[in-house]
PDB file of all heavy atoms in Angstrom:
ATOM      1  N   PHE A   1       0.850  -1.187  -0.002  1.00  0.00           N
ATOM      2  CA  PHE A   1       0.003   0.004  -0.002  1.00  0.00           C
ATOM      3  C   PHE A   1       0.883   1.241   0.002  1.00  0.00           C
ATOM      4  O   PHE A   1       1.870   1.292   0.710  1.00  0.00           O
ATOM      5  CB  PHE A   1      -0.911   0.027   1.242  1.00  0.00           C
ATOM      6  CG  PHE A   1      -1.878   1.160   1.204  1.00  0.00           C
ATOM      7  CD1 PHE A   1      -3.043   1.050   0.474  1.00  0.00           C
ATOM      8  CD2 PHE A   1      -1.613   2.325   1.879  1.00  0.00           C
ATOM      9  CE1 PHE A   1      -3.942   2.117   0.433  1.00  0.00           C
ATOM     10  CE2 PHE A   1      -2.506   3.383   1.837  1.00  0.00           C
ATOM     11  CZ  PHE A   1      -3.672   3.272   1.121  1.00  0.00           C
ATOM     12  N   ASP A   2       0.553   2.192  -0.780  1.00  0.00           N
ATOM     13  CA  ASP A   2       1.120   3.535  -0.898  1.00  0.00           C
ATOM     14  C   ASP A   2       2.074   3.699  -2.059  1.00  0.00           C
ATOM     15  O   ASP A   2       2.564   4.776  -2.311  1.00  0.00           O
ATOM     16  CB  ASP A   2       1.731   4.065   0.415  1.00  0.00           C
ATOM     17  CG  ASP A   2       3.129   3.564   0.731  1.00  0.00           C
ATOM     18  OD1 ASP A   2       3.746   2.876  -0.084  1.00  0.00           O
ATOM     19  OD2 ASP A   2       3.623   3.891   1.824  1.00  0.00           O
ATOM     20  N   ASP A   3       2.329   2.662  -2.815  1.00  0.00           N
ATOM     21  CA  ASP A   3       3.157   2.741  -4.041  1.00  0.00           C
ATOM     22  C   ASP A   3       4.487   3.446  -3.775  1.00  0.00           C
ATOM     23  O   ASP A   3       4.921   4.305  -4.538  1.00  0.00           O
ATOM     24  CB  ASP A   3       2.383   3.445  -5.151  1.00  0.00           C
ATOM     25  CG  ASP A   3       2.978   3.171  -6.543  1.00  0.00           C
ATOM     26  OD1 ASP A   3       3.725   2.189  -6.684  1.00  0.00           O
ATOM     27  OD2 ASP A   3       2.686   3.942  -7.465  1.00  0.00           O
ATOM     28  N   ALA A   4       5.151   3.049  -2.690  1.00  0.00           N
ATOM     29  CA  ALA A   4       6.465   3.616  -2.355  1.00  0.00           C
ATOM     30  C   ALA A   4       7.454   3.344  -3.490  1.00  0.00           C
ATOM     31  O   ALA A   4       7.338   2.336  -4.201  1.00  0.00           O
ATOM     32  CB  ALA A   4       6.989   3.009  -1.078  1.00  0.00           C
ATOM     33  N   PRO A   5       8.439   4.229  -3.695  1.00  0.00           N
ATOM     34  CA  PRO A   5       9.375   4.068  -4.813  1.00  0.00           C
ATOM     35  C   PRO A   5      10.081   2.700  -4.847  1.00  0.00           C
ATOM     36  O   PRO A   5      10.303   2.150  -5.909  1.00  0.00           O
ATOM     37  CB  PRO A   5      10.386   5.195  -4.586  1.00  0.00           C
ATOM     38  CG  PRO A   5       9.594   6.255  -3.883  1.00  0.00           C
ATOM     39  CD  PRO A   5       8.638   5.493  -2.988  1.00  0.00           C
ATOM     40  N   PHE A   6      10.378   2.125  -3.674  1.00  0.00           N
ATOM     41  CA  PHE A   6      11.080   0.832  -3.674  1.00  0.00           C
ATOM     42  C   PHE A   6      10.237  -0.282  -4.292  1.00  0.00           C
ATOM     43  O   PHE A   6      10.770  -1.278  -4.772  1.00  0.00           O
ATOM     44  CB  PHE A   6      11.510   0.439  -2.252  1.00  0.00           C
ATOM     45  CG  PHE A   6      10.381  -0.075  -1.394  1.00  0.00           C
ATOM     46  CD1 PHE A   6      10.040  -1.405  -1.411  1.00  0.00           C
ATOM     47  CD2 PHE A   6       9.671   0.785  -0.585  1.00  0.00           C
ATOM     48  CE1 PHE A   6       9.002  -1.886  -0.633  1.00  0.00           C
ATOM     49  CE2 PHE A   6       8.644   0.327   0.210  1.00  0.00           C
ATOM     50  CZ  PHE A   6       8.305  -1.019   0.185  1.00  0.00           C
ATOM     51  N   SER A   7       8.908  -0.132  -4.303  1.00  0.00           N
ATOM     52  CA  SER A   7       8.038  -1.187  -4.831  1.00  0.00           C
ATOM     53  C   SER A   7       8.258  -1.421  -6.327  1.00  0.00           C
ATOM     54  O   SER A   7       7.957  -2.479  -6.841  1.00  0.00           O
ATOM     55  CB  SER A   7       6.574  -0.885  -4.554  1.00  0.00           C
ATOM     56  OG  SER A   7       6.192   0.320  -5.180  1.00  0.00           O
ATOM     57  N   ARG A   8       8.831  -0.437  -7.011  1.00  0.00           N
ATOM     58  CA  ARG A   8       9.121  -0.563  -8.452  1.00  0.00           C
ATOM     59  C   ARG A   8      10.469  -1.190  -8.720  1.00  0.00           C
ATOM     60  O   ARG A   8      10.678  -1.754  -9.783  1.00  0.00           O
ATOM     61  CB  ARG A   8       9.084   0.823  -9.110  1.00  0.00           C
ATOM     62  CG  ARG A   8       7.694   1.391  -9.173  1.00  0.00           C
ATOM     63  CD  ARG A   8       7.721   2.836  -9.634  1.00  0.00           C
ATOM     64  NE  ARG A   8       6.959   3.532  -8.600  1.00  0.00           N
ATOM     65  CZ  ARG A   8       7.209   4.728  -8.157  1.00  0.00           C
ATOM     66  NH1 ARG A   8       8.172   5.432  -8.638  1.00  0.00           N
ATOM     67  NH2 ARG A   8       6.449   5.255  -7.220  1.00  0.00           N
ATOM     68  N   ILE A   9      11.391  -1.079  -7.769  1.00  0.00           N
ATOM     69  CA  ILE A   9      12.775  -1.514  -8.060  1.00  0.00           C
ATOM     70  C   ILE A   9      13.151  -2.815  -7.401  1.00  0.00           C
ATOM     71  O   ILE A   9      14.180  -3.408  -7.758  1.00  0.00           O
ATOM     72  CB  ILE A   9      13.790  -0.408  -7.671  1.00  0.00           C
ATOM     73  CG1 ILE A   9      13.715  -0.086  -6.200  1.00  0.00           C
ATOM     74  CG2 ILE A   9      13.601   0.819  -8.531  1.00  0.00           C
ATOM     75  CD1 ILE A   9      14.791   0.884  -5.727  1.00  0.00           C
ATOM     76  N   ILE A  10      12.342  -3.327  -6.448  1.00  0.00           N
ATOM     77  CA  ILE A  10      12.646  -4.630  -5.864  1.00  0.00           C
ATOM     78  C   ILE A  10      12.257  -5.728  -6.839  1.00  0.00           C
ATOM     79  O   ILE A  10      11.540  -5.488  -7.805  1.00  0.00           O
ATOM     80  CB  ILE A  10      11.953  -4.826  -4.498  1.00  0.00           C
ATOM     81  CG1 ILE A  10      10.435  -4.768  -4.664  1.00  0.00           C
ATOM     82  CG2 ILE A  10      12.442  -3.799  -3.500  1.00  0.00           C
ATOM     83  CD1 ILE A  10       9.697  -5.164  -3.408  1.00  0.00           C
ATOM     84  N   TYR A  11      12.744  -6.941  -6.570  1.00  0.00           N
ATOM     85  CA  TYR A  11      12.362  -8.070  -7.415  1.00  0.00           C
ATOM     86  C   TYR A  11      11.687  -9.128  -6.566  1.00  0.00           C
ATOM     87  O   TYR A  11      12.270  -9.543  -5.558  1.00  0.00           O
ATOM     88  CB  TYR A  11      13.581  -8.668  -8.114  1.00  0.00           C
ATOM     89  CG  TYR A  11      13.169  -9.838  -8.986  1.00  0.00           C
ATOM     90  CD1 TYR A  11      12.617  -9.605 -10.243  1.00  0.00           C
ATOM     91  CD2 TYR A  11      13.286 -11.141  -8.535  1.00  0.00           C
ATOM     92  CE1 TYR A  11      12.203 -10.662 -11.029  1.00  0.00           C
ATOM     93  CE2 TYR A  11      12.868 -12.207  -9.331  1.00  0.00           C
ATOM     94  CZ  TYR A  11      12.323 -11.955 -10.569  1.00  0.00           C
ATOM     95  OH  TYR A  11      11.905 -12.992 -11.356  1.00  0.00           O
ATOM     96  N   PRO A  12      10.524  -9.591  -6.942  1.00  0.00           N
ATOM     97  CA  PRO A  12       9.711  -9.076  -8.035  1.00  0.00           C
ATOM     98  C   PRO A  12       9.100  -7.727  -7.664  1.00  0.00           C
ATOM     99  O   PRO A  12       8.867  -7.458  -6.490  1.00  0.00           O
ATOM    100  CB  PRO A  12       8.622 -10.137  -8.206  1.00  0.00           C
ATOM    101  CG  PRO A  12       8.479 -10.775  -6.860  1.00  0.00           C
ATOM    102  CD  PRO A  12       9.863 -10.719  -6.252  1.00  0.00           C
ATOM    103  N   ALA A  13       8.834  -6.912  -8.673  1.00  0.00           N
ATOM    104  CA  ALA A  13       8.237  -5.607  -8.420  1.00  0.00           C
ATOM    105  C   ALA A  13       6.889  -5.813  -7.709  1.00  0.00           C
ATOM    106  O   ALA A  13       6.110  -6.692  -8.053  1.00  0.00           O
ATOM    107  CB  ALA A  13       8.037  -4.873  -9.746  1.00  0.00           C
ATOM    108  N   LEU A  14       6.642  -4.998  -6.682  1.00  0.00           N
ATOM    109  CA  LEU A  14       5.486  -5.182  -5.800  1.00  0.00           C
ATOM    110  C   LEU A  14       4.227  -4.499  -6.342  1.00  0.00           C
ATOM    111  O   LEU A  14       4.247  -3.304  -6.641  1.00  0.00           O
ATOM    112  CB  LEU A  14       5.822  -4.612  -4.413  1.00  0.00           C
ATOM    113  CG  LEU A  14       4.769  -4.755  -3.325  1.00  0.00           C
ATOM    114  CD1 LEU A  14       4.516  -6.230  -3.018  1.00  0.00           C
ATOM    115  CD2 LEU A  14       5.217  -4.026  -2.075  1.00  0.00           C
ATOM    116  N   THR A  15       3.164  -5.277  -6.465  1.00  0.00           N
ATOM    117  CA  THR A  15       1.852  -4.732  -6.790  1.00  0.00           C
ATOM    118  C   THR A  15       1.415  -3.876  -5.605  1.00  0.00           C
ATOM    119  O   THR A  15       1.574  -4.300  -4.456  1.00  0.00           O
ATOM    120  CB  THR A  15       0.845  -5.866  -7.042  1.00  0.00           C
ATOM    121  OG1 THR A  15       1.274  -6.607  -8.180  1.00  0.00           O
ATOM    122  CG2 THR A  15      -0.572  -5.345  -7.260  1.00  0.00           C
ATOM    123  N   THR A  16       0.904  -2.680  -5.852  1.00  0.00           N
ATOM    124  CA  THR A  16       0.523  -1.782  -4.757  1.00  0.00           C
ATOM    125  C   THR A  16      -0.751  -1.008  -5.050  1.00  0.00           C
ATOM    126  O   THR A  16      -1.184  -0.934  -6.195  1.00  0.00           O
ATOM    127  CB  THR A  16       1.629  -0.736  -4.454  1.00  0.00           C
ATOM    128  OG1 THR A  16       1.814   0.086  -5.596  1.00  0.00           O
ATOM    129  CG2 THR A  16       2.928  -1.369  -4.069  1.00  0.00           C
ATOM    130  N   VAL A  17      -1.291  -0.436  -4.010  1.00  0.00           N
ATOM    131  CA  VAL A  17      -2.398   0.502  -4.151  1.00  0.00           C
ATOM    132  C   VAL A  17      -1.772   1.891  -4.156  1.00  0.00           C
ATOM    133  O   VAL A  17      -1.015   2.234  -3.247  1.00  0.00           O
ATOM    134  CB  VAL A  17      -3.396   0.371  -2.989  1.00  0.00           C
ATOM    135  CG1 VAL A  17      -4.477   1.451  -3.080  1.00  0.00           C
ATOM    136  CG2 VAL A  17      -4.022  -1.025  -2.988  1.00  0.00           C
ATOM    137  N   HIS A  18      -2.065   2.659  -5.186  1.00  0.00           N
ATOM    138  CA  HIS A  18      -1.534   4.025  -5.283  1.00  0.00           C
ATOM    139  C   HIS A  18      -2.600   5.003  -4.827  1.00  0.00           C
ATOM    140  O   HIS A  18      -3.758   4.908  -5.220  1.00  0.00           O
ATOM    141  CB  HIS A  18      -1.129   4.355  -6.725  1.00  0.00           C
ATOM    142  CG  HIS A  18      -0.722   5.797  -6.877  1.00  0.00           C
ATOM    143  ND1 HIS A  18       0.511   6.228  -6.529  1.00  0.00           N
ATOM    144  CD2 HIS A  18      -1.407   6.870  -7.310  1.00  0.00           C
ATOM    145  CE1 HIS A  18       0.595   7.532  -6.739  1.00  0.00           C
ATOM    146  NE2 HIS A  18      -0.567   7.930  -7.219  1.00  0.00           N
ATOM    147  N   GLN A  19      -2.187   5.933  -3.967  1.00  0.00           N
ATOM    148  CA  GLN A  19      -3.078   6.975  -3.486  1.00  0.00           C
ATOM    149  C   GLN A  19      -2.244   8.242  -3.329  1.00  0.00           C
ATOM    150  O   GLN A  19      -1.118   8.177  -2.838  1.00  0.00           O
ATOM    151  CB  GLN A  19      -3.668   6.546  -2.142  1.00  0.00           C
ATOM    152  CG  GLN A  19      -4.801   7.389  -1.664  1.00  0.00           C
ATOM    153  CD  GLN A  19      -5.516   6.754  -0.494  1.00  0.00           C
ATOM    154  OE1 GLN A  19      -5.817   5.566  -0.525  1.00  0.00           O
ATOM    155  NE2 GLN A  19      -5.789   7.507   0.520  1.00  0.00           N
ATOM    156  N   SER A  20      -2.764   9.356  -3.731  1.00  0.00           N
ATOM    157  CA  SER A  20      -2.021  10.610  -3.687  1.00  0.00           C
ATOM    158  C   SER A  20      -1.749  11.049  -2.253  1.00  0.00           C
ATOM    159  O   SER A  20      -2.671  11.353  -1.505  1.00  0.00           O
ATOM    160  CB  SER A  20      -2.806  11.717  -4.420  1.00  0.00           C
ATOM    161  OG  SER A  20      -2.203  12.965  -4.194  1.00  0.00           O
ATOM    162  N   ILE A  21      -0.485  11.090  -1.874  1.00  0.00           N
ATOM    163  CA  ILE A  21      -0.109  11.544  -0.546  1.00  0.00           C
ATOM    164  C   ILE A  21      -0.475  13.026  -0.381  1.00  0.00           C
ATOM    165  O   ILE A  21      -0.956  13.434   0.664  1.00  0.00           O
ATOM    166  CB  ILE A  21       1.387  11.295  -0.282  1.00  0.00           C
ATOM    167  CG1 ILE A  21       1.638   9.785  -0.215  1.00  0.00           C
ATOM    168  CG2 ILE A  21       1.851  11.994   0.983  1.00  0.00           C
ATOM    169  CD1 ILE A  21       3.092   9.403  -0.115  1.00  0.00           C
ATOM    170  N   GLN A  22      -0.296  13.819  -1.430  1.00  0.00           N
ATOM    171  CA  GLN A  22      -0.662  15.239  -1.352  1.00  0.00           C
ATOM    172  C   GLN A  22      -2.151  15.386  -1.057  1.00  0.00           C
ATOM    173  O   GLN A  22      -2.557  16.182  -0.227  1.00  0.00           O
ATOM    174  CB  GLN A  22      -0.300  15.966  -2.626  1.00  0.00           C
ATOM    175  CG  GLN A  22      -0.674  17.438  -2.574  1.00  0.00           C
ATOM    176  CD  GLN A  22      -0.182  18.235  -3.771  1.00  0.00           C
ATOM    177  OE1 GLN A  22       0.733  17.821  -4.458  1.00  0.00           O
ATOM    178  NE2 GLN A  22      -0.804  19.363  -3.991  1.00  0.00           N
ATOM    179  N   ARG A  23      -2.973  14.605  -1.752  1.00  0.00           N
ATOM    180  CA  ARG A  23      -4.434  14.682  -1.543  1.00  0.00           C
ATOM    181  C   ARG A  23      -4.785  14.243  -0.122  1.00  0.00           C
ATOM    182  O   ARG A  23      -5.663  14.841   0.533  1.00  0.00           O
ATOM    183  CB  ARG A  23      -5.149  13.818  -2.575  1.00  0.00           C
ATOM    184  CG  ARG A  23      -6.643  13.825  -2.468  1.00  0.00           C
ATOM    185  CD  ARG A  23      -7.226  15.176  -2.863  1.00  0.00           C
ATOM    186  NE  ARG A  23      -8.647  15.146  -2.646  1.00  0.00           N
ATOM    187  CZ  ARG A  23      -9.264  15.693  -1.611  1.00  0.00           C
ATOM    188  NH1 ARG A  23      -8.588  16.371  -0.719  1.00  0.00           N
ATOM    189  NH2 ARG A  23     -10.560  15.612  -1.469  1.00  0.00           N
ATOM    190  N   MET A  24      -4.115  13.201   0.408  1.00  0.00           N
ATOM    191  CA  MET A  24      -4.383  12.762   1.783  1.00  0.00           C
ATOM    192  C   MET A  24      -4.003  13.857   2.776  1.00  0.00           C
ATOM    193  O   MET A  24      -4.741  14.116   3.750  1.00  0.00           O
ATOM    194  CB  MET A  24      -3.585  11.498   2.104  1.00  0.00           C
ATOM    195  CG  MET A  24      -4.151  10.245   1.455  1.00  0.00           C
ATOM    196  SD  MET A  24      -3.398   8.741   2.068  1.00  0.00           S
ATOM    197  CE  MET A  24      -1.782   8.795   1.304  1.00  0.00           C
ATOM    198  N   MET A  25      -2.876  14.549   2.548  1.00  0.00           N
ATOM    199  CA  MET A  25      -2.471  15.633   3.442  1.00  0.00           C
ATOM    200  C   MET A  25      -3.453  16.795   3.381  1.00  0.00           C
ATOM    201  O   MET A  25      -3.813  17.372   4.418  1.00  0.00           O
ATOM    202  CB  MET A  25      -1.048  16.109   3.088  1.00  0.00           C
ATOM    203  CG  MET A  25       0.016  15.097   3.422  1.00  0.00           C
ATOM    204  SD  MET A  25       1.713  15.692   3.202  1.00  0.00           S
ATOM    205  CE  MET A  25       1.708  16.310   1.534  1.00  0.00           C
ATOM    206  N   GLU A  26      -3.911  17.144   2.173  1.00  0.00           N
ATOM    207  CA  GLU A  26      -4.880  18.230   2.031  1.00  0.00           C
ATOM    208  C   GLU A  26      -6.156  17.904   2.801  1.00  0.00           C
ATOM    209  O   GLU A  26      -6.713  18.763   3.488  1.00  0.00           O
ATOM    210  CB  GLU A  26      -5.185  18.466   0.555  1.00  0.00           C
ATOM    211  CG  GLU A  26      -4.052  19.074  -0.225  1.00  0.00           C
ATOM    212  CD  GLU A  26      -4.274  19.039  -1.734  1.00  0.00           C
ATOM    213  OE1 GLU A  26      -5.283  18.459  -2.197  1.00  0.00           O
ATOM    214  OE2 GLU A  26      -3.436  19.612  -2.452  1.00  0.00           O
ATOM    215  N   GLU A  27      -6.625  16.692   2.667  1.00  0.00           N
ATOM    216  CA  GLU A  27      -7.854  16.280   3.353  1.00  0.00           C
ATOM    217  C   GLU A  27      -7.652  16.279   4.868  1.00  0.00           C
ATOM    218  O   GLU A  27      -8.525  16.709   5.623  1.00  0.00           O
ATOM    219  CB  GLU A  27      -8.310  14.891   2.873  1.00  0.00           C
ATOM    220  CG  GLU A  27      -9.650  14.480   3.410  1.00  0.00           C
ATOM    221  CD  GLU A  27     -10.780  15.422   3.044  1.00  0.00           C
ATOM    222  OE1 GLU A  27     -10.752  16.055   1.955  1.00  0.00           O
ATOM    223  OE2 GLU A  27     -11.732  15.558   3.859  1.00  0.00           O
ATOM    224  N   ALA A  28      -6.489  15.838   5.338  1.00  0.00           N
ATOM    225  CA  ALA A  28      -6.210  15.827   6.756  1.00  0.00           C
ATOM    226  C   ALA A  28      -6.234  17.253   7.324  1.00  0.00           C
ATOM    227  O   ALA A  28      -6.801  17.484   8.401  1.00  0.00           O
ATOM    228  CB  ALA A  28      -4.858  15.167   7.026  1.00  0.00           C
ATOM    229  N   VAL A  29      -5.632  18.192   6.618  1.00  0.00           N
ATOM    230  CA  VAL A  29      -5.627  19.582   7.057  1.00  0.00           C
ATOM    231  C   VAL A  29      -7.060  20.122   7.092  1.00  0.00           C
ATOM    232  O   VAL A  29      -7.445  20.817   8.040  1.00  0.00           O
ATOM    233  CB  VAL A  29      -4.716  20.453   6.173  1.00  0.00           C
ATOM    234  CG1 VAL A  29      -4.908  21.940   6.455  1.00  0.00           C
ATOM    235  CG2 VAL A  29      -3.258  20.042   6.373  1.00  0.00           C
ATOM    236  N   THR A  30      -7.848  19.813   6.092  1.00  0.00           N
ATOM    237  CA  THR A  30      -9.236  20.271   6.042  1.00  0.00           C
ATOM    238  C   THR A  30     -10.022  19.730   7.252  1.00  0.00           C
ATOM    239  O   THR A  30     -10.754  20.464   7.911  1.00  0.00           O
ATOM    240  CB  THR A  30      -9.909  19.812   4.740  1.00  0.00           C
ATOM    241  OG1 THR A  30      -9.186  20.377   3.636  1.00  0.00           O
ATOM    242  CG2 THR A  30     -11.375  20.218   4.666  1.00  0.00           C
ATOM    243  N   VAL A  31      -9.863  18.447   7.547  1.00  0.00           N
ATOM    244  CA  VAL A  31     -10.560  17.830   8.675  1.00  0.00           C
ATOM    245  C   VAL A  31     -10.109  18.445  10.007  1.00  0.00           C
ATOM    246  O   VAL A  31     -10.918  18.759  10.874  1.00  0.00           O
ATOM    247  CB  VAL A  31     -10.362  16.290   8.674  1.00  0.00           C
ATOM    248  CG1 VAL A  31     -10.852  15.662   9.971  1.00  0.00           C
ATOM    249  CG2 VAL A  31     -11.067  15.683   7.477  1.00  0.00           C
ATOM    250  N   LEU A  32      -8.790  18.618  10.154  1.00  0.00           N
ATOM    251  CA  LEU A  32      -8.277  19.202  11.399  1.00  0.00           C
ATOM    252  C   LEU A  32      -8.774  20.656  11.581  1.00  0.00           C
ATOM    253  O   LEU A  32      -9.134  21.059  12.702  1.00  0.00           O
ATOM    254  CB  LEU A  32      -6.752  19.176  11.408  1.00  0.00           C
ATOM    255  CG  LEU A  32      -6.138  17.798  11.605  1.00  0.00           C
ATOM    256  CD1 LEU A  32      -4.626  17.854  11.391  1.00  0.00           C
ATOM    257  CD2 LEU A  32      -6.466  17.247  12.985  1.00  0.00           C
ATOM    258  N   ALA A  33      -8.809  21.422  10.508  1.00  0.00           N
ATOM    259  CA  ALA A  33      -9.295  22.804  10.597  1.00  0.00           C
ATOM    260  C   ALA A  33     -10.777  22.816  10.992  1.00  0.00           C
ATOM    261  O   ALA A  33     -11.193  23.634  11.812  1.00  0.00           O
ATOM    262  CB  ALA A  33      -9.064  23.532   9.278  1.00  0.00           C
ATOM    263  N   ALA A  34     -11.553  21.927  10.426  1.00  0.00           N
ATOM    264  CA  ALA A  34     -12.984  21.853  10.737  1.00  0.00           C
ATOM    265  C   ALA A  34     -13.184  21.453  12.184  1.00  0.00           C
ATOM    266  O   ALA A  34     -14.035  22.022  12.889  1.00  0.00           O
ATOM    267  CB  ALA A  34     -13.680  20.857   9.809  1.00  0.00           C
ATOM    268  N   GLN A  35     -12.387  20.510  12.677  1.00  0.00           N
ATOM    269  CA  GLN A  35     -12.502  20.084  14.083  1.00  0.00           C
ATOM    270  C   GLN A  35     -12.093  21.195  15.029  1.00  0.00           C
ATOM    271  O   GLN A  35     -12.645  21.349  16.109  1.00  0.00           O
ATOM    272  CB  GLN A  35     -11.638  18.838  14.341  1.00  0.00           C
ATOM    273  CG  GLN A  35     -12.248  17.544  13.915  1.00  0.00           C
ATOM    274  CD  GLN A  35     -13.536  17.238  14.654  1.00  0.00           C
ATOM    275  OE1 GLN A  35     -14.582  17.097  14.039  1.00  0.00           O
ATOM    276  NE2 GLN A  35     -13.492  17.109  15.949  1.00  0.00           N
ATOM    277  N   ARG A  36     -11.117  21.971  14.619  1.00  0.00           N
ATOM    278  CA  ARG A  36     -10.653  23.064  15.481  1.00  0.00           C
ATOM    279  C   ARG A  36     -11.734  24.143  15.602  1.00  0.00           C
ATOM    280  O   ARG A  36     -11.952  24.716  16.660  1.00  0.00           O
ATOM    281  CB  ARG A  36      -9.380  23.671  14.921  1.00  0.00           C
ATOM    282  CG  ARG A  36      -8.833  24.723  15.839  1.00  0.00           C
ATOM    283  CD  ARG A  36      -7.453  25.119  15.489  1.00  0.00           C
ATOM    284  NE  ARG A  36      -7.062  26.147  16.436  1.00  0.00           N
ATOM    285  CZ  ARG A  36      -5.852  26.487  16.685  1.00  0.00           C
ATOM    286  NH1 ARG A  36      -4.870  25.913  16.039  1.00  0.00           N
ATOM    287  NH2 ARG A  36      -5.574  27.405  17.553  1.00  0.00           N
ATOM    288  N   SER A  37     -12.428  24.427  14.497  1.00  0.00           N
ATOM    289  CA  SER A  37     -13.466  25.456  14.545  1.00  0.00           C
ATOM    290  C   SER A  37     -14.747  24.949  15.221  1.00  0.00           C
ATOM    291  O   SER A  37     -15.532  25.735  15.736  1.00  0.00           O
ATOM    292  CB  SER A  37     -13.790  25.970  13.142  1.00  0.00           C
ATOM    293  OG  SER A  37     -14.362  24.960  12.355  1.00  0.00           O
TER     294      SER A  37
END
């Protein structure tokens, strides 16, 4: 999970779930800001 760079270069190459880390961070900040208010 997370499609880390090493998953492409190890043998055998690892099948992974790719999810945008930037999008996860943006959503986390949005949730934290809403909880704070």
